[in-house]
Amino acid sequence: MSNESQQSNFFDETFSEEERKRLDRQLRLPGWNQKALKDSKVVIAGIGGLGTEIAKNLAMAGVGTLHLIDLD
């Protein structure tokens, strides 16, 4: 792995101060690409008990865009 991919992205300016505080543990991990999570989009079809928990966990992990679909 290159040295660049080994560095943490804690001081990456693409994250606001609020995001840095919330995502502190993940941003400090070498090789963790939090920017890729921030730029990602996820669709969840079915927002019952399991879908809600998955959506919550993805939001807490820093996924950029969540599209939630529920036909009930």
PDB file of N, CA and C in Angstrom:
ATOM      1  N   MET A   1       0.830  -1.180   0.000  1.00  0.00           N
ATOM      2  CA  MET A   1       0.000   0.000   0.000  1.00  0.00           C
ATOM      3  C   MET A   1       0.873   1.241   0.000  1.00  0.00           C
ATOM      4  N   SER A   2       0.394   2.256  -0.659  1.00  0.00           N
ATOM      5  CA  SER A   2       1.156   3.492  -0.679  1.00  0.00           C
ATOM      6  C   SER A   2       1.038   4.192   0.667  1.00  0.00           C
ATOM      7  N   ASN A   3       1.976   5.062   0.922  1.00  0.00           N
ATOM      8  CA  ASN A   3       1.981   5.819   2.166  1.00  0.00           C
ATOM      9  C   ASN A   3       0.737   6.685   2.295  1.00  0.00           C
ATOM     10  N   GLU A   4       0.248   7.215   1.176  1.00  0.00           N
ATOM     11  CA  GLU A   4      -0.927   8.087   1.178  1.00  0.00           C
ATOM     12  C   GLU A   4      -2.162   7.349   1.678  1.00  0.00           C
ATOM     13  N   SER A   5      -2.343   6.094   1.258  1.00  0.00           N
ATOM     14  CA  SER A   5      -3.523   5.342   1.679  1.00  0.00           C
ATOM     15  C   SER A   5      -3.420   4.891   3.132  1.00  0.00           C
ATOM     16  N   GLN A   6      -2.205   4.896   3.702  1.00  0.00           N
ATOM     17  CA  GLN A   6      -2.007   4.498   5.088  1.00  0.00           C
ATOM     18  C   GLN A   6      -2.335   5.622   6.069  1.00  0.00           C
ATOM     19  N   GLN A   7      -2.308   6.879   5.609  1.00  0.00           N
ATOM     20  CA  GLN A   7      -2.530   8.002   6.501  1.00  0.00           C
ATOM     21  C   GLN A   7      -4.004   8.138   6.839  1.00  0.00           C
ATOM     22  N   SER A   8      -4.266   8.665   8.051  1.00  0.00           N
ATOM     23  CA  SER A   8      -5.655   8.901   8.433  1.00  0.00           C
ATOM     24  C   SER A   8      -6.156  10.133   7.692  1.00  0.00           C
ATOM     25  N   ASN A   9      -7.468  10.246   7.572  1.00  0.00           N
ATOM     26  CA  ASN A   9      -8.043  11.406   6.900  1.00  0.00           C
ATOM     27  C   ASN A   9      -8.718  12.333   7.904  1.00  0.00           C
ATOM     28  N   PHE A  10      -8.218  12.331   9.166  1.00  0.00           N
ATOM     29  CA  PHE A  10      -8.804  13.153  10.223  1.00  0.00           C
ATOM     30  C   PHE A  10      -8.732  14.634   9.885  1.00  0.00           C
ATOM     31  N   PHE A  11      -7.671  15.073   9.242  1.00  0.00           N
ATOM     32  CA  PHE A  11      -7.501  16.490   8.942  1.00  0.00           C
ATOM     33  C   PHE A  11      -7.900  16.843   7.513  1.00  0.00           C
ATOM     34  N   ASP A  12      -8.558  15.920   6.827  1.00  0.00           N
ATOM     35  CA  ASP A  12      -9.051  16.175   5.475  1.00  0.00           C
ATOM     36  C   ASP A  12     -10.080  17.301   5.524  1.00  0.00           C
ATOM     37  N   GLU A  13      -9.905  18.316   4.701  1.00  0.00           N
ATOM     38  CA  GLU A  13     -10.780  19.487   4.745  1.00  0.00           C
ATOM     39  C   GLU A  13     -12.153  19.244   4.136  1.00  0.00           C
ATOM     40  N   THR A  14     -12.418  18.052   3.622  1.00  0.00           N
ATOM     41  CA  THR A  14     -13.751  17.763   3.087  1.00  0.00           C
ATOM     42  C   THR A  14     -14.752  17.502   4.208  1.00  0.00           C
ATOM     43  N   PHE A  15     -14.265  17.397   5.448  1.00  0.00           N
ATOM     44  CA  PHE A  15     -15.132  17.147   6.593  1.00  0.00           C
ATOM     45  C   PHE A  15     -15.244  18.402   7.446  1.00  0.00           C
ATOM     46  N   SER A  16     -16.466  18.738   7.819  1.00  0.00           N
ATOM     47  CA  SER A  16     -16.684  19.891   8.691  1.00  0.00           C
ATOM     48  C   SER A  16     -16.220  19.549  10.107  1.00  0.00           C
ATOM     49  N   GLU A  17     -16.131  20.566  10.942  1.00  0.00           N
ATOM     50  CA  GLU A  17     -15.739  20.345  12.338  1.00  0.00           C
ATOM     51  C   GLU A  17     -16.728  19.411  13.034  1.00  0.00           C
ATOM     52  N   GLU A  18     -18.016  19.590  12.746  1.00  0.00           N
ATOM     53  CA  GLU A  18     -19.049  18.733  13.335  1.00  0.00           C
ATOM     54  C   GLU A  18     -18.873  17.278  12.889  1.00  0.00           C
ATOM     55  N   GLU A  19     -18.582  17.069  11.591  1.00  0.00           N
ATOM     56  CA  GLU A  19     -18.362  15.703  11.087  1.00  0.00           C
ATOM     57  C   GLU A  19     -17.123  15.086  11.721  1.00  0.00           C
ATOM     58  N   ARG A  20     -16.066  15.882  11.889  1.00  0.00           N
ATOM     59  CA  ARG A  20     -14.850  15.351  12.519  1.00  0.00           C
ATOM     60  C   ARG A  20     -15.114  14.889  13.945  1.00  0.00           C
ATOM     61  N   LYS A  21     -15.932  15.642  14.675  1.00  0.00           N
ATOM     62  CA  LYS A  21     -16.254  15.241  16.051  1.00  0.00           C
ATOM     63  C   LYS A  21     -17.070  13.952  16.063  1.00  0.00           C
ATOM     64  N   ARG A  22     -18.048  13.858  15.160  1.00  0.00           N
ATOM     65  CA  ARG A  22     -18.937  12.696  15.137  1.00  0.00           C
ATOM     66  C   ARG A  22     -18.223  11.441  14.640  1.00  0.00           C
ATOM     67  N   LEU A  23     -17.331  11.604  13.668  1.00  0.00           N
ATOM     68  CA  LEU A  23     -16.675  10.463  13.029  1.00  0.00           C
ATOM     69  C   LEU A  23     -15.232  10.280  13.501  1.00  0.00           C
ATOM     70  N   ASP A  24     -14.904  10.849  14.633  1.00  0.00           N
ATOM     71  CA  ASP A  24     -13.528  10.896  15.128  1.00  0.00           C
ATOM     72  C   ASP A  24     -12.814   9.547  15.084  1.00  0.00           C
ATOM     73  N   ARG A  25     -13.441   8.500  15.622  1.00  0.00           N
ATOM     74  CA  ARG A  25     -12.764   7.191  15.688  1.00  0.00           C
ATOM     75  C   ARG A  25     -12.475   6.630  14.307  1.00  0.00           C
ATOM     76  N   GLN A  26     -13.420   6.782  13.381  1.00  0.00           N
ATOM     77  CA  GLN A  26     -13.208   6.251  12.040  1.00  0.00           C
ATOM     78  C   GLN A  26     -12.148   7.049  11.284  1.00  0.00           C
ATOM     79  N   LEU A  27     -12.163   8.363  11.426  1.00  0.00           N
ATOM     80  CA  LEU A  27     -11.222   9.204  10.694  1.00  0.00           C
ATOM     81  C   LEU A  27      -9.781   8.969  11.119  1.00  0.00           C
ATOM     82  N   ARG A  28      -9.566   8.524  12.327  1.00  0.00           N
ATOM     83  CA  ARG A  28      -8.203   8.313  12.827  1.00  0.00           C
ATOM     84  C   ARG A  28      -7.591   6.982  12.375  1.00  0.00           C
ATOM     85  N   LEU A  29      -8.388   6.102  11.814  1.00  0.00           N
ATOM     86  CA  LEU A  29      -7.868   4.805  11.376  1.00  0.00           C
ATOM     87  C   LEU A  29      -7.077   4.947  10.085  1.00  0.00           C
ATOM     88  N   PRO A  30      -5.824   4.508  10.076  1.00  0.00           N
ATOM     89  CA  PRO A  30      -5.049   4.554   8.836  1.00  0.00           C
ATOM     90  C   PRO A  30      -5.678   3.644   7.778  1.00  0.00           C
ATOM     91  N   GLY A  31      -5.786   4.143   6.583  1.00  0.00           N
ATOM     92  CA  GLY A  31      -6.327   3.348   5.487  1.00  0.00           C
ATOM     93  C   GLY A  31      -7.840   3.366   5.383  1.00  0.00           C
ATOM     94  N   TRP A  32      -8.535   3.932   6.364  1.00  0.00           N
ATOM     95  CA  TRP A  32     -10.002   4.002   6.335  1.00  0.00           C
ATOM     96  C   TRP A  32     -10.407   5.138   5.414  1.00  0.00           C
ATOM     97  N   ASN A  33     -11.232   4.855   4.421  1.00  0.00           N
ATOM     98  CA  ASN A  33     -11.616   5.869   3.443  1.00  0.00           C
ATOM     99  C   ASN A  33     -13.006   6.415   3.771  1.00  0.00           C
ATOM    100  N   GLN A  34     -13.071   7.310   4.742  1.00  0.00           N
ATOM    101  CA  GLN A  34     -14.345   7.891   5.150  1.00  0.00           C
ATOM    102  C   GLN A  34     -14.945   8.745   4.046  1.00  0.00           C
ATOM    103  N   LYS A  35     -14.101   9.342   3.205  1.00  0.00           N
ATOM    104  CA  LYS A  35     -14.604  10.163   2.103  1.00  0.00           C
ATOM    105  C   LYS A  35     -15.435   9.317   1.140  1.00  0.00           C
ATOM    106  N   ALA A  36     -15.028   8.071   0.913  1.00  0.00           N
ATOM    107  CA  ALA A  36     -15.807   7.183   0.041  1.00  0.00           C
ATOM    108  C   ALA A  36     -17.187   6.927   0.632  1.00  0.00           C
ATOM    109  N   LEU A  37     -17.279   6.759   1.952  1.00  0.00           N
ATOM    110  CA  LEU A  37     -18.583   6.590   2.598  1.00  0.00           C
ATOM    111  C   LEU A  37     -19.419   7.855   2.473  1.00  0.00           C
ATOM    112  N   LYS A  38     -18.781   9.011   2.681  1.00  0.00           N
ATOM    113  CA  LYS A  38     -19.497  10.286   2.591  1.00  0.00           C
ATOM    114  C   LYS A  38     -20.051  10.508   1.183  1.00  0.00           C
ATOM    115  N   ASP A  39     -19.336  10.062   0.179  1.00  0.00           N
ATOM    116  CA  ASP A  39     -19.747  10.245  -1.214  1.00  0.00           C
ATOM    117  C   ASP A  39     -20.707   9.166  -1.703  1.00  0.00           C
ATOM    118  N   SER A  40     -20.944   8.128  -0.911  1.00  0.00           N
ATOM    119  CA  SER A  40     -21.772   7.007  -1.366  1.00  0.00           C
ATOM    120  C   SER A  40     -23.262   7.287  -1.211  1.00  0.00           C
ATOM    121  N   LYS A  41     -24.045   6.530  -1.975  1.00  0.00           N
ATOM    122  CA  LYS A  41     -25.505   6.613  -1.938  1.00  0.00           C
ATOM    123  C   LYS A  41     -26.041   5.204  -1.736  1.00  0.00           C
ATOM    124  N   VAL A  42     -27.014   5.063  -0.825  1.00  0.00           N
ATOM    125  CA  VAL A  42     -27.581   3.755  -0.510  1.00  0.00           C
ATOM    126  C   VAL A  42     -29.095   3.842  -0.591  1.00  0.00           C
ATOM    127  N   VAL A  43     -29.716   2.823  -1.193  1.00  0.00           N
ATOM    128  CA  VAL A  43     -31.173   2.715  -1.235  1.00  0.00           C
ATOM    129  C   VAL A  43     -31.575   1.544  -0.352  1.00  0.00           C
ATOM    130  N   ILE A  44     -32.523   1.783   0.540  1.00  0.00           N
ATOM    131  CA  ILE A  44     -33.061   0.721   1.390  1.00  0.00           C
ATOM    132  C   ILE A  44     -34.548   0.615   1.096  1.00  0.00           C
ATOM    133  N   ALA A  45     -34.960  -0.545   0.603  1.00  0.00           N
ATOM    134  CA  ALA A  45     -36.374  -0.794   0.307  1.00  0.00           C
ATOM    135  C   ALA A  45     -36.947  -1.622   1.450  1.00  0.00           C
ATOM    136  N   GLY A  46     -37.900  -1.055   2.141  1.00  0.00           N
ATOM    137  CA  GLY A  46     -38.511  -1.719   3.290  1.00  0.00           C
ATOM    138  C   GLY A  46     -37.959  -1.142   4.574  1.00  0.00           C
ATOM    139  N   ILE A  47     -38.732  -0.291   5.203  1.00  0.00           N
ATOM    140  CA  ILE A  47     -38.265   0.379   6.411  1.00  0.00           C
ATOM    141  C   ILE A  47     -39.048  -0.141   7.616  1.00  0.00           C
ATOM    142  N   GLY A  48     -39.013  -1.449   7.778  1.00  0.00           N
ATOM    143  CA  GLY A  48     -39.593  -2.058   8.976  1.00  0.00           C
ATOM    144  C   GLY A  48     -38.553  -2.038  10.085  1.00  0.00           C
ATOM    145  N   GLY A  49     -38.627  -3.008  10.968  1.00  0.00           N
ATOM    146  CA  GLY A  49     -37.689  -3.073  12.084  1.00  0.00           C
ATOM    147  C   GLY A  49     -36.241  -3.197  11.643  1.00  0.00           C
ATOM    148  N   LEU A  50     -35.960  -4.091  10.719  1.00  0.00           N
ATOM    149  CA  LEU A  50     -34.589  -4.300  10.259  1.00  0.00           C
ATOM    150  C   LEU A  50     -34.101  -3.149   9.385  1.00  0.00           C
ATOM    151  N   GLY A  51     -34.936  -2.697   8.450  1.00  0.00           N
ATOM    152  CA  GLY A  51     -34.549  -1.598   7.564  1.00  0.00           C
ATOM    153  C   GLY A  51     -34.239  -0.320   8.323  1.00  0.00           C
ATOM    154  N   THR A  52     -35.014  -0.058   9.377  1.00  0.00           N
ATOM    155  CA  THR A  52     -34.786   1.129  10.196  1.00  0.00           C
ATOM    156  C   THR A  52     -33.442   1.052  10.902  1.00  0.00           C
ATOM    157  N   GLU A  53     -33.129  -0.096  11.448  1.00  0.00           N
ATOM    158  CA  GLU A  53     -31.857  -0.277  12.151  1.00  0.00           C
ATOM    159  C   GLU A  53     -30.679  -0.152  11.186  1.00  0.00           C
ATOM    160  N   ILE A  54     -30.812  -0.719  10.000  1.00  0.00           N
ATOM    161  CA  ILE A  54     -29.754  -0.613   8.991  1.00  0.00           C
ATOM    162  C   ILE A  54     -29.559   0.839   8.582  1.00  0.00           C
ATOM    163  N   ALA A  55     -30.656   1.559   8.344  1.00  0.00           N
ATOM    164  CA  ALA A  55     -30.571   2.975   7.964  1.00  0.00           C
ATOM    165  C   ALA A  55     -29.885   3.790   9.058  1.00  0.00           C
ATOM    166  N   LYS A  56     -30.241   3.543  10.306  1.00  0.00           N
ATOM    167  CA  LYS A  56     -29.628   4.253  11.435  1.00  0.00           C
ATOM    168  C   LYS A  56     -28.127   3.998  11.485  1.00  0.00           C
ATOM    169  N   ASN A  57     -27.736   2.739  11.349  1.00  0.00           N
ATOM    170  CA  ASN A  57     -26.315   2.395  11.422  1.00  0.00           C
ATOM    171  C   ASN A  57     -25.528   2.976  10.258  1.00  0.00           C
ATOM    172  N   LEU A  58     -26.101   2.980   9.065  1.00  0.00           N
ATOM    173  CA  LEU A  58     -25.421   3.582   7.917  1.00  0.00           C
ATOM    174  C   LEU A  58     -25.265   5.088   8.106  1.00  0.00           C
ATOM    175  N   ALA A  59     -26.286   5.739   8.635  1.00  0.00           N
ATOM    176  CA  ALA A  59     -26.203   7.178   8.898  1.00  0.00           C
ATOM    177  C   ALA A  59     -25.126   7.473   9.944  1.00  0.00           C
ATOM    178  N   MET A  60     -25.072   6.660  10.984  1.00  0.00           N
ATOM    179  CA  MET A  60     -24.063   6.861  12.030  1.00  0.00           C
ATOM    180  C   MET A  60     -22.651   6.603  11.514  1.00  0.00           C
ATOM    181  N   ALA A  61     -22.519   5.716  10.528  1.00  0.00           N
ATOM    182  CA  ALA A  61     -21.208   5.424   9.950  1.00  0.00           C
ATOM    183  C   ALA A  61     -20.741   6.524   9.011  1.00  0.00           C
ATOM    184  N   GLY A  62     -21.664   7.393   8.576  1.00  0.00           N
ATOM    185  CA  GLY A  62     -21.278   8.515   7.734  1.00  0.00           C
ATOM    186  C   GLY A  62     -21.609   8.365   6.269  1.00  0.00           C
ATOM    187  N   VAL A  63     -22.505   7.443   5.911  1.00  0.00           N
ATOM    188  CA  VAL A  63     -22.919   7.318   4.511  1.00  0.00           C
ATOM    189  C   VAL A  63     -23.566   8.635   4.092  1.00  0.00           C
ATOM    190  N   GLY A  64     -23.197   9.135   2.926  1.00  0.00           N
ATOM    191  CA  GLY A  64     -23.622  10.458   2.490  1.00  0.00           C
ATOM    192  C   GLY A  64     -25.096  10.609   2.209  1.00  0.00           C
ATOM    193  N   THR A  65     -25.683   9.700   1.425  1.00  0.00           N
ATOM    194  CA  THR A  65     -27.081   9.836   1.031  1.00  0.00           C
ATOM    195  C   THR A  65     -27.808   8.517   1.236  1.00  0.00           C
ATOM    196  N   LEU A  66     -28.923   8.588   1.942  1.00  0.00           N
ATOM    197  CA  LEU A  66     -29.776   7.419   2.139  1.00  0.00           C
ATOM    198  C   LEU A  66     -31.120   7.690   1.483  1.00  0.00           C
ATOM    199  N   HIS A  67     -31.553   6.783   0.620  1.00  0.00           N
ATOM    200  CA  HIS A  67     -32.889   6.844   0.027  1.00  0.00           C
ATOM    201  C   HIS A  67     -33.691   5.704   0.648  1.00  0.00           C
ATOM    202  N   LEU A  68     -34.753   6.057   1.352  1.00  0.00           N
ATOM    203  CA  LEU A  68     -35.559   5.065   2.059  1.00  0.00           C
ATOM    204  C   LEU A  68     -36.889   4.897   1.343  1.00  0.00           C
ATOM    205  N   ILE A  69     -37.241   3.643   1.035  1.00  0.00           N
ATOM    206  CA  ILE A  69     -38.475   3.337   0.310  1.00  0.00           C
ATOM    207  C   ILE A  69     -39.294   2.373   1.144  1.00  0.00           C
ATOM    208  N   ASP A  70     -40.554   2.732   1.383  1.00  0.00           N
ATOM    209  CA  ASP A  70     -41.453   1.845   2.111  1.00  0.00           C
ATOM    210  C   ASP A  70     -42.848   2.010   1.529  1.00  0.00           C
ATOM    211  N   LEU A  71     -43.434   0.937   1.055  1.00  0.00           N
ATOM    212  CA  LEU A  71     -44.743   1.005   0.410  1.00  0.00           C
ATOM    213  C   LEU A  71     -45.889   0.759   1.377  1.00  0.00           C
ATOM    214  N   ASP A  72     -45.618   0.507   2.639  1.00  0.00           N
ATOM    215  CA  ASP A  72     -46.683   0.289   3.628  1.00  0.00           C
ATOM    216  C   ASP A  72     -47.306   1.589   4.048  1.00  0.00           C
TER     217      ASP A  72
END
